[in-house]
Amino acid sequence: IIGNIIVGENSTIGAGSVLTKNIPANSIVVGNPARVIK
């Protein structure tokens, strides 16, 4: 997780993910680059 970003509350970040952009609250995120899947 790098950069000036916000990871929203109640989120789950899957193993091996790379986050470089803001993630909204209540998200499930996976991948490289990370994306919200649910």
PDB file of all heavy atoms in Angstrom:
ATOM      1  N   ILE A   1       0.884  -1.172   0.000  1.00  0.00           N
ATOM      2  CA  ILE A   1       0.000   0.000   0.000  1.00  0.00           C
ATOM      3  C   ILE A   1       0.914   1.212   0.000  1.00  0.00           C
ATOM      4  O   ILE A   1       1.595   1.482   0.994  1.00  0.00           O
ATOM      5  CB  ILE A   1      -0.921   0.014   1.236  1.00  0.00           C
ATOM      6  CG1 ILE A   1      -1.748  -1.267   1.304  1.00  0.00           C
ATOM      7  CG2 ILE A   1      -1.818   1.248   1.212  1.00  0.00           C
ATOM      8  CD1 ILE A   1      -2.554  -1.417   2.589  1.00  0.00           C
ATOM      9  N   ILE A   2       0.965   1.927  -1.128  1.00  0.00           N
ATOM     10  CA  ILE A   2       1.898   3.043  -1.223  1.00  0.00           C
ATOM     11  C   ILE A   2       1.239   4.292  -1.772  1.00  0.00           C
ATOM     12  O   ILE A   2       0.297   4.233  -2.550  1.00  0.00           O
ATOM     13  CB  ILE A   2       3.139   2.685  -2.074  1.00  0.00           C
ATOM     14  CG1 ILE A   2       2.741   2.223  -3.473  1.00  0.00           C
ATOM     15  CG2 ILE A   2       3.989   1.652  -1.393  1.00  0.00           C
ATOM     16  CD1 ILE A   2       3.919   2.041  -4.403  1.00  0.00           C
ATOM     17  N   GLY A   3       1.764   5.427  -1.325  1.00  0.00           N
ATOM     18  CA  GLY A   3       1.320   6.717  -1.822  1.00  0.00           C
ATOM     19  C   GLY A   3       0.361   7.403  -0.880  1.00  0.00           C
ATOM     20  O   GLY A   3      -0.003   6.895   0.182  1.00  0.00           O
ATOM     21  N   ASN A   4      -0.044   8.588  -1.274  1.00  0.00           N
ATOM     22  CA  ASN A   4      -0.954   9.430  -0.510  1.00  0.00           C
ATOM     23  C   ASN A   4      -2.386   8.984  -0.785  1.00  0.00           C
ATOM     24  O   ASN A   4      -3.121   9.634  -1.525  1.00  0.00           O
ATOM     25  CB  ASN A   4      -0.733  10.891  -0.908  1.00  0.00           C
ATOM     26  CG  ASN A   4      -1.481  11.842  -0.028  1.00  0.00           C
ATOM     27  OD1 ASN A   4      -1.838  11.508   1.093  1.00  0.00           O
ATOM     28  ND2 ASN A   4      -1.733  13.029  -0.532  1.00  0.00           N
ATOM     29  N   ILE A   5      -2.765   7.825  -0.208  1.00  0.00           N
ATOM     30  CA  ILE A   5      -4.081   7.253  -0.474  1.00  0.00           C
ATOM     31  C   ILE A   5      -4.807   6.955   0.833  1.00  0.00           C
ATOM     32  O   ILE A   5      -4.196   6.919   1.894  1.00  0.00           O
ATOM     33  CB  ILE A   5      -3.992   5.964  -1.329  1.00  0.00           C
ATOM     34  CG1 ILE A   5      -3.253   4.847  -0.569  1.00  0.00           C
ATOM     35  CG2 ILE A   5      -3.320   6.254  -2.659  1.00  0.00           C
ATOM     36  CD1 ILE A   5      -3.309   3.499  -1.288  1.00  0.00           C
ATOM     37  N   ILE A   6      -6.109   6.720   0.706  1.00  0.00           N
ATOM     38  CA  ILE A   6      -6.941   6.351   1.849  1.00  0.00           C
ATOM     39  C   ILE A   6      -7.554   4.986   1.574  1.00  0.00           C
ATOM     40  O   ILE A   6      -8.128   4.762   0.508  1.00  0.00           O
ATOM     41  CB  ILE A   6      -8.052   7.384   2.093  1.00  0.00           C
ATOM     42  CG1 ILE A   6      -7.443   8.737   2.437  1.00  0.00           C
ATOM     43  CG2 ILE A   6      -9.002   6.915   3.197  1.00  0.00           C
ATOM     44  CD1 ILE A   6      -8.456   9.870   2.529  1.00  0.00           C
ATOM     45  N   VAL A   7      -7.419   4.084   2.545  1.00  0.00           N
ATOM     46  CA  VAL A   7      -8.092   2.791   2.492  1.00  0.00           C
ATOM     47  C   VAL A   7      -9.307   2.914   3.396  1.00  0.00           C
ATOM     48  O   VAL A   7      -9.179   3.073   4.605  1.00  0.00           O
ATOM     49  CB  VAL A   7      -7.162   1.648   2.953  1.00  0.00           C
ATOM     50  CG1 VAL A   7      -7.908   0.324   2.936  1.00  0.00           C
ATOM     51  CG2 VAL A   7      -5.918   1.589   2.074  1.00  0.00           C
ATOM     52  N   GLY A   8     -10.495   2.882   2.813  1.00  0.00           N
ATOM     53  CA  GLY A   8     -11.737   3.112   3.539  1.00  0.00           C
ATOM     54  C   GLY A   8     -12.037   2.075   4.603  1.00  0.00           C
ATOM     55  O   GLY A   8     -11.622   0.917   4.499  1.00  0.00           O
ATOM     56  N   GLU A   9     -12.781   2.508   5.596  1.00  0.00           N
ATOM     57  CA  GLU A   9     -13.116   1.649   6.732  1.00  0.00           C
ATOM     58  C   GLU A   9     -13.868   0.397   6.304  1.00  0.00           C
ATOM     59  O   GLU A   9     -14.520   0.377   5.264  1.00  0.00           O
ATOM     60  CB  GLU A   9     -13.927   2.423   7.770  1.00  0.00           C
ATOM     61  CG  GLU A   9     -15.275   2.894   7.277  1.00  0.00           C
ATOM     62  CD  GLU A   9     -16.007   3.758   8.288  1.00  0.00           C
ATOM     63  OE1 GLU A   9     -15.475   3.993   9.386  1.00  0.00           O
ATOM     64  OE2 GLU A   9     -17.118   4.179   7.975  1.00  0.00           O
ATOM     65  N   ASN A  10     -13.727  -0.636   7.125  1.00  0.00           N
ATOM     66  CA  ASN A  10     -14.411  -1.922   6.936  1.00  0.00           C
ATOM     67  C   ASN A  10     -14.031  -2.635   5.640  1.00  0.00           C
ATOM     68  O   ASN A  10     -14.808  -3.425   5.118  1.00  0.00           O
ATOM     69  CB  ASN A  10     -15.935  -1.749   7.004  1.00  0.00           C
ATOM     70  CG  ASN A  10     -16.376  -1.108   8.288  1.00  0.00           C
ATOM     71  OD1 ASN A  10     -15.927  -1.480   9.370  1.00  0.00           O
ATOM     72  ND2 ASN A  10     -17.238  -0.116   8.184  1.00  0.00           N
ATOM     73  N   SER A  11     -12.849  -2.362   5.118  1.00  0.00           N
ATOM     74  CA  SER A  11     -12.414  -2.992   3.873  1.00  0.00           C
ATOM     75  C   SER A  11     -11.533  -4.208   4.147  1.00  0.00           C
ATOM     76  O   SER A  11     -10.924  -4.320   5.204  1.00  0.00           O
ATOM     77  CB  SER A  11     -11.648  -1.984   3.013  1.00  0.00           C
ATOM     78  OG  SER A  11     -12.527  -0.983   2.547  1.00  0.00           O
ATOM     79  N   THR A  12     -11.477  -5.096   3.165  1.00  0.00           N
ATOM     80  CA  THR A  12     -10.616  -6.269   3.214  1.00  0.00           C
ATOM     81  C   THR A  12      -9.701  -6.219   2.000  1.00  0.00           C
ATOM     82  O   THR A  12     -10.178  -6.074   0.871  1.00  0.00           O
ATOM     83  CB  THR A  12     -11.444  -7.564   3.194  1.00  0.00           C
ATOM     84  OG1 THR A  12     -12.315  -7.572   4.328  1.00  0.00           O
ATOM     85  CG2 THR A  12     -10.555  -8.790   3.219  1.00  0.00           C
ATOM     86  N   ILE A  13      -8.391  -6.340   2.241  1.00  0.00           N
ATOM     87  CA  ILE A  13      -7.408  -6.309   1.165  1.00  0.00           C
ATOM     88  C   ILE A  13      -6.836  -7.708   1.022  1.00  0.00           C
ATOM     89  O   ILE A  13      -6.213  -8.240   1.939  1.00  0.00           O
ATOM     90  CB  ILE A  13      -6.265  -5.311   1.471  1.00  0.00           C
ATOM     91  CG1 ILE A  13      -6.802  -3.954   1.961  1.00  0.00           C
ATOM     92  CG2 ILE A  13      -5.348  -5.169   0.269  1.00  0.00           C
ATOM     93  CD1 ILE A  13      -7.753  -3.264   1.033  1.00  0.00           C
ATOM     94  N   GLY A  14      -7.042  -8.334  -0.129  1.00  0.00           N
ATOM     95  CA  GLY A  14      -6.596  -9.702  -0.363  1.00  0.00           C
ATOM     96  C   GLY A  14      -5.089  -9.827  -0.465  1.00  0.00           C
ATOM     97  O   GLY A  14      -4.391  -8.880  -0.842  1.00  0.00           O
ATOM     98  N   ALA A  15      -4.584 -10.998  -0.150  1.00  0.00           N
ATOM     99  CA  ALA A  15      -3.149 -11.285  -0.183  1.00  0.00           C
ATOM    100  C   ALA A  15      -2.556 -10.948  -1.544  1.00  0.00           C
ATOM    101  O   ALA A  15      -3.159 -11.205  -2.587  1.00  0.00           O
ATOM    102  CB  ALA A  15      -2.904 -12.749   0.149  1.00  0.00           C
ATOM    103  N   GLY A  16      -1.369 -10.338  -1.522  1.00  0.00           N
ATOM    104  CA  GLY A  16      -0.646 -10.036  -2.741  1.00  0.00           C
ATOM    105  C   GLY A  16      -1.121  -8.818  -3.504  1.00  0.00           C
ATOM    106  O   GLY A  16      -0.599  -8.520  -4.577  1.00  0.00           O
ATOM    107  N   SER A  17      -2.071  -8.081  -2.966  1.00  0.00           N
ATOM    108  CA  SER A  17      -2.600  -6.906  -3.653  1.00  0.00           C
ATOM    109  C   SER A  17      -1.625  -5.739  -3.593  1.00  0.00           C
ATOM    110  O   SER A  17      -0.858  -5.608  -2.638  1.00  0.00           O
ATOM    111  CB  SER A  17      -3.930  -6.473  -3.032  1.00  0.00           C
ATOM    112  OG  SER A  17      -4.899  -7.479  -3.191  1.00  0.00           O
ATOM    113  N   VAL A  18      -1.674  -4.886  -4.623  1.00  0.00           N
ATOM    114  CA  VAL A  18      -0.864  -3.673  -4.664  1.00  0.00           C
ATOM    115  C   VAL A  18      -1.806  -2.493  -4.830  1.00  0.00           C
ATOM    116  O   VAL A  18      -2.471  -2.352  -5.856  1.00  0.00           O
ATOM    117  CB  VAL A  18       0.159  -3.713  -5.818  1.00  0.00           C
ATOM    118  CG1 VAL A  18       0.943  -2.412  -5.881  1.00  0.00           C
ATOM    119  CG2 VAL A  18       1.092  -4.898  -5.654  1.00  0.00           C
ATOM    120  N   LEU A  19      -1.866  -1.642  -3.783  1.00  0.00           N
ATOM    121  CA  LEU A  19      -2.771  -0.492  -3.774  1.00  0.00           C
ATOM    122  C   LEU A  19      -1.998   0.790  -3.996  1.00  0.00           C
ATOM    123  O   LEU A  19      -1.054   1.084  -3.263  1.00  0.00           O
ATOM    124  CB  LEU A  19      -3.501  -0.375  -2.432  1.00  0.00           C
ATOM    125  CG  LEU A  19      -4.660  -1.326  -2.173  1.00  0.00           C
ATOM    126  CD1 LEU A  19      -4.191  -2.736  -1.980  1.00  0.00           C
ATOM    127  CD2 LEU A  19      -5.434  -0.867  -0.977  1.00  0.00           C
ATOM    128  N   THR A  20      -2.426   1.554  -5.009  1.00  0.00           N
ATOM    129  CA  THR A  20      -1.826   2.858  -5.279  1.00  0.00           C
ATOM    130  C   THR A  20      -2.885   3.942  -5.436  1.00  0.00           C
ATOM    131  O   THR A  20      -2.563   5.080  -5.715  1.00  0.00           O
ATOM    132  CB  THR A  20      -0.958   2.815  -6.555  1.00  0.00           C
ATOM    133  OG1 THR A  20      -1.779   2.422  -7.660  1.00  0.00           O
ATOM    134  CG2 THR A  20       0.207   1.859  -6.400  1.00  0.00           C
ATOM    135  N   LYS A  21      -4.163   3.556  -5.269  1.00  0.00           N
ATOM    136  CA  LYS A  21      -5.282   4.498  -5.391  1.00  0.00           C
ATOM    137  C   LYS A  21      -6.227   4.322  -4.209  1.00  0.00           C
ATOM    138  O   LYS A  21      -6.262   3.263  -3.582  1.00  0.00           O
ATOM    139  CB  LYS A  21      -6.041   4.252  -6.697  1.00  0.00           C
ATOM    140  CG  LYS A  21      -5.202   4.516  -7.919  1.00  0.00           C
ATOM    141  CD  LYS A  21      -5.988   4.300  -9.183  1.00  0.00           C
ATOM    142  CE  LYS A  21      -5.070   4.559 -10.377  1.00  0.00           C
ATOM    143  NZ  LYS A  21      -5.729   4.297 -11.638  1.00  0.00           N
ATOM    144  N   ASN A  22      -7.022   5.352  -3.931  1.00  0.00           N
ATOM    145  CA  ASN A  22      -7.985   5.293  -2.832  1.00  0.00           C
ATOM    146  C   ASN A  22      -8.920   4.101  -2.991  1.00  0.00           C
ATOM    147  O   ASN A  22      -9.313   3.739  -4.104  1.00  0.00           O
ATOM    148  CB  ASN A  22      -8.827   6.569  -2.785  1.00  0.00           C
ATOM    149  CG  ASN A  22      -8.023   7.777  -2.373  1.00  0.00           C
ATOM    150  OD1 ASN A  22      -6.990   7.677  -1.722  1.00  0.00           O
ATOM    151  ND2 ASN A  22      -8.502   8.943  -2.750  1.00  0.00           N
ATOM    152  N   ILE A  23      -9.291   3.520  -1.842  1.00  0.00           N
ATOM    153  CA  ILE A  23     -10.224   2.408  -1.802  1.00  0.00           C
ATOM    154  C   ILE A  23     -11.444   2.858  -1.003  1.00  0.00           C
ATOM    155  O   ILE A  23     -11.298   3.311   0.135  1.00  0.00           O
ATOM    156  CB  ILE A  23      -9.585   1.174  -1.122  1.00  0.00           C
ATOM    157  CG1 ILE A  23      -8.310   0.737  -1.857  1.00  0.00           C
ATOM    158  CG2 ILE A  23     -10.584   0.031  -1.003  1.00  0.00           C
ATOM    159  CD1 ILE A  23      -8.504   0.352  -3.300  1.00  0.00           C
ATOM    160  N   PRO A  24     -12.655   2.756  -1.567  1.00  0.00           N
ATOM    161  CA  PRO A  24     -13.840   3.182  -0.820  1.00  0.00           C
ATOM    162  C   PRO A  24     -14.124   2.276   0.379  1.00  0.00           C
ATOM    163  O   PRO A  24     -13.683   1.118   0.416  1.00  0.00           O
ATOM    164  CB  PRO A  24     -14.975   3.087  -1.843  1.00  0.00           C
ATOM    165  CG  PRO A  24     -14.437   2.425  -3.042  1.00  0.00           C
ATOM    166  CD  PRO A  24     -12.958   2.282  -2.904  1.00  0.00           C
ATOM    167  N   ALA A  25     -14.859   2.803   1.328  1.00  0.00           N
ATOM    168  CA  ALA A  25     -15.256   2.033   2.512  1.00  0.00           C
ATOM    169  C   ALA A  25     -16.036   0.792   2.096  1.00  0.00           C
ATOM    170  O   ALA A  25     -16.681   0.760   1.039  1.00  0.00           O
ATOM    171  CB  ALA A  25     -16.096   2.899   3.439  1.00  0.00           C
ATOM    172  N   ASN A  26     -15.964  -0.240   2.933  1.00  0.00           N
ATOM    173  CA  ASN A  26     -16.737  -1.472   2.766  1.00  0.00           C
ATOM    174  C   ASN A  26     -16.409  -2.243   1.490  1.00  0.00           C
ATOM    175  O   ASN A  26     -17.275  -2.871   0.895  1.00  0.00           O
ATOM    176  CB  ASN A  26     -18.234  -1.169   2.824  1.00  0.00           C
ATOM    177  CG  ASN A  26     -18.614  -0.478   4.095  1.00  0.00           C
ATOM    178  OD1 ASN A  26     -18.330  -0.953   5.184  1.00  0.00           O
ATOM    179  ND2 ASN A  26     -19.223   0.696   3.968  1.00  0.00           N
ATOM    180  N   SER A  27     -15.153  -2.195   1.074  1.00  0.00           N
ATOM    181  CA  SER A  27     -14.744  -2.854  -0.171  1.00  0.00           C
ATOM    182  C   SER A  27     -13.943  -4.125   0.099  1.00  0.00           C
ATOM    183  O   SER A  27     -13.239  -4.225   1.095  1.00  0.00           O
ATOM    184  CB  SER A  27     -13.866  -1.908  -0.996  1.00  0.00           C
ATOM    185  OG  SER A  27     -14.582  -0.773  -1.397  1.00  0.00           O
ATOM    186  N   ILE A  28     -14.042  -5.055  -0.832  1.00  0.00           N
ATOM    187  CA  ILE A  28     -13.150  -6.210  -0.875  1.00  0.00           C
ATOM    188  C   ILE A  28     -12.293  -5.998  -2.112  1.00  0.00           C
ATOM    189  O   ILE A  28     -12.801  -5.833  -3.219  1.00  0.00           O
ATOM    190  CB  ILE A  28     -13.925  -7.536  -0.946  1.00  0.00           C
ATOM    191  CG1 ILE A  28     -14.789  -7.699   0.308  1.00  0.00           C
ATOM    192  CG2 ILE A  28     -12.959  -8.708  -1.108  1.00  0.00           C
ATOM    193  CD1 ILE A  28     -15.700  -8.906   0.279  1.00  0.00           C
ATOM    194  N   VAL A  29     -10.957  -5.988  -1.907  1.00  0.00           N
ATOM    195  CA  VAL A  29     -10.023  -5.570  -2.938  1.00  0.00           C
ATOM    196  C   VAL A  29      -8.991  -6.670  -3.170  1.00  0.00           C
ATOM    197  O   VAL A  29      -8.483  -7.259  -2.220  1.00  0.00           O
ATOM    198  CB  VAL A  29      -9.306  -4.277  -2.468  1.00  0.00           C
ATOM    199  CG1 VAL A  29      -8.279  -3.821  -3.470  1.00  0.00           C
ATOM    200  CG2 VAL A  29     -10.314  -3.181  -2.197  1.00  0.00           C
ATOM    201  N   VAL A  30      -8.687  -6.947  -4.441  1.00  0.00           N
ATOM    202  CA  VAL A  30      -7.649  -7.928  -4.778  1.00  0.00           C
ATOM    203  C   VAL A  30      -6.904  -7.480  -6.027  1.00  0.00           C
ATOM    204  O   VAL A  30      -7.397  -6.665  -6.793  1.00  0.00           O
ATOM    205  CB  VAL A  30      -8.230  -9.349  -5.030  1.00  0.00           C
ATOM    206  CG1 VAL A  30      -8.885  -9.899  -3.787  1.00  0.00           C
ATOM    207  CG2 VAL A  30      -9.186  -9.347  -6.192  1.00  0.00           C
ATOM    208  N   GLY A  31      -5.724  -8.037  -6.219  1.00  0.00           N
ATOM    209  CA  GLY A  31      -5.014  -7.896  -7.484  1.00  0.00           C
ATOM    210  C   GLY A  31      -3.870  -6.914  -7.502  1.00  0.00           C
ATOM    211  O   GLY A  31      -3.615  -6.191  -6.561  1.00  0.00           O
ATOM    212  N   ASN A  32      -3.179  -6.930  -8.653  1.00  0.00           N
ATOM    213  CA  ASN A  32      -2.085  -6.012  -8.915  1.00  0.00           C
ATOM    214  C   ASN A  32      -2.215  -5.523 -10.351  1.00  0.00           C
ATOM    215  O   ASN A  32      -1.924  -6.275 -11.279  1.00  0.00           O
ATOM    216  CB  ASN A  32      -0.756  -6.730  -8.721  1.00  0.00           C
ATOM    217  CG  ASN A  32       0.432  -5.853  -9.025  1.00  0.00           C
ATOM    218  OD1 ASN A  32       0.297  -4.678  -9.291  1.00  0.00           O
ATOM    219  ND2 ASN A  32       1.612  -6.444  -9.009  1.00  0.00           N
ATOM    220  N   PRO A  33      -2.718  -4.312 -10.529  1.00  0.00           N
ATOM    221  CA  PRO A  33      -3.117  -3.343  -9.506  1.00  0.00           C
ATOM    222  C   PRO A  33      -4.429  -3.758  -8.830  1.00  0.00           C
ATOM    223  O   PRO A  33      -5.255  -4.452  -9.423  1.00  0.00           O
ATOM    224  CB  PRO A  33      -3.278  -2.038 -10.275  1.00  0.00           C
ATOM    225  CG  PRO A  33      -3.639  -2.455 -11.667  1.00  0.00           C
ATOM    226  CD  PRO A  33      -2.910  -3.770 -11.894  1.00  0.00           C
ATOM    227  N   ALA A  34      -4.575  -3.321  -7.600  1.00  0.00           N
ATOM    228  CA  ALA A  34      -5.758  -3.695  -6.814  1.00  0.00           C
ATOM    229  C   ALA A  34      -7.022  -3.119  -7.423  1.00  0.00           C
ATOM    230  O   ALA A  34      -7.041  -2.008  -7.938  1.00  0.00           O
ATOM    231  CB  ALA A  34      -5.597  -3.206  -5.377  1.00  0.00           C
ATOM    232  N   ARG A  35      -8.089  -3.912  -7.330  1.00  0.00           N
ATOM    233  CA  ARG A  35      -9.406  -3.450  -7.797  1.00  0.00           C
ATOM    234  C   ARG A  35     -10.472  -3.984  -6.857  1.00  0.00           C
ATOM    235  O   ARG A  35     -10.312  -5.051  -6.254  1.00  0.00           O
ATOM    236  CB  ARG A  35      -9.669  -3.880  -9.229  1.00  0.00           C
ATOM    237  CG  ARG A  35      -9.677  -5.368  -9.438  1.00  0.00           C
ATOM    238  CD  ARG A  35      -9.870  -5.733 -10.887  1.00  0.00           C
ATOM    239  NE  ARG A  35      -9.738  -7.069 -11.314  1.00  0.00           N
ATOM    240  CZ  ARG A  35      -9.939  -8.206 -10.689  1.00  0.00           C
ATOM    241  NH1 ARG A  35     -10.310  -8.215  -9.476  1.00  0.00           N
ATOM    242  NH2 ARG A  35      -9.790  -9.362 -11.256  1.00  0.00           N
ATOM    243  N   VAL A  36     -11.549  -3.238  -6.755  1.00  0.00           N
ATOM    244  CA  VAL A  36     -12.653  -3.642  -5.901  1.00  0.00           C
ATOM    245  C   VAL A  36     -13.427  -4.732  -6.625  1.00  0.00           C
ATOM    246  O   VAL A  36     -13.858  -4.558  -7.766  1.00  0.00           O
ATOM    247  CB  VAL A  36     -13.591  -2.449  -5.591  1.00  0.00           C
ATOM    248  CG1 VAL A  36     -14.793  -2.894  -4.776  1.00  0.00           C
ATOM    249  CG2 VAL A  36     -12.822  -1.349  -4.868  1.00  0.00           C
ATOM    250  N   ILE A  37     -13.601  -5.892  -5.958  1.00  0.00           N
ATOM    251  CA  ILE A  37     -14.358  -6.977  -6.580  1.00  0.00           C
ATOM    252  C   ILE A  37     -15.740  -7.108  -5.977  1.00  0.00           C
ATOM    253  O   ILE A  37     -16.609  -7.752  -6.562  1.00  0.00           O
ATOM    254  CB  ILE A  37     -13.617  -8.323  -6.511  1.00  0.00           C
ATOM    255  CG1 ILE A  37     -13.357  -8.746  -5.066  1.00  0.00           C
ATOM    256  CG2 ILE A  37     -12.336  -8.268  -7.331  1.00  0.00           C
ATOM    257  CD1 ILE A  37     -12.950 -10.198  -4.912  1.00  0.00           C
ATOM    258  N   LYS A  38     -15.920  -6.518  -4.787  1.00  0.00           N
ATOM    259  CA  LYS A  38     -17.213  -6.634  -4.124  1.00  0.00           C
ATOM    260  C   LYS A  38     -17.316  -5.538  -3.063  1.00  0.00           C
ATOM    261  O   LYS A  38     -16.312  -5.093  -2.521  1.00  0.00           O
ATOM    262  CB  LYS A  38     -17.333  -8.016  -3.449  1.00  0.00           C
ATOM    263  CG  LYS A  38     -18.681  -8.339  -2.898  1.00  0.00           C
ATOM    264  CD  LYS A  38     -18.723  -9.774  -2.406  1.00  0.00           C
ATOM    265  CE  LYS A  38     -20.110 -10.089  -1.874  1.00  0.00           C
ATOM    266  NZ  LYS A  38     -20.216 -11.445  -1.360  1.00  0.00           N
TER     267      LYS A  38
END
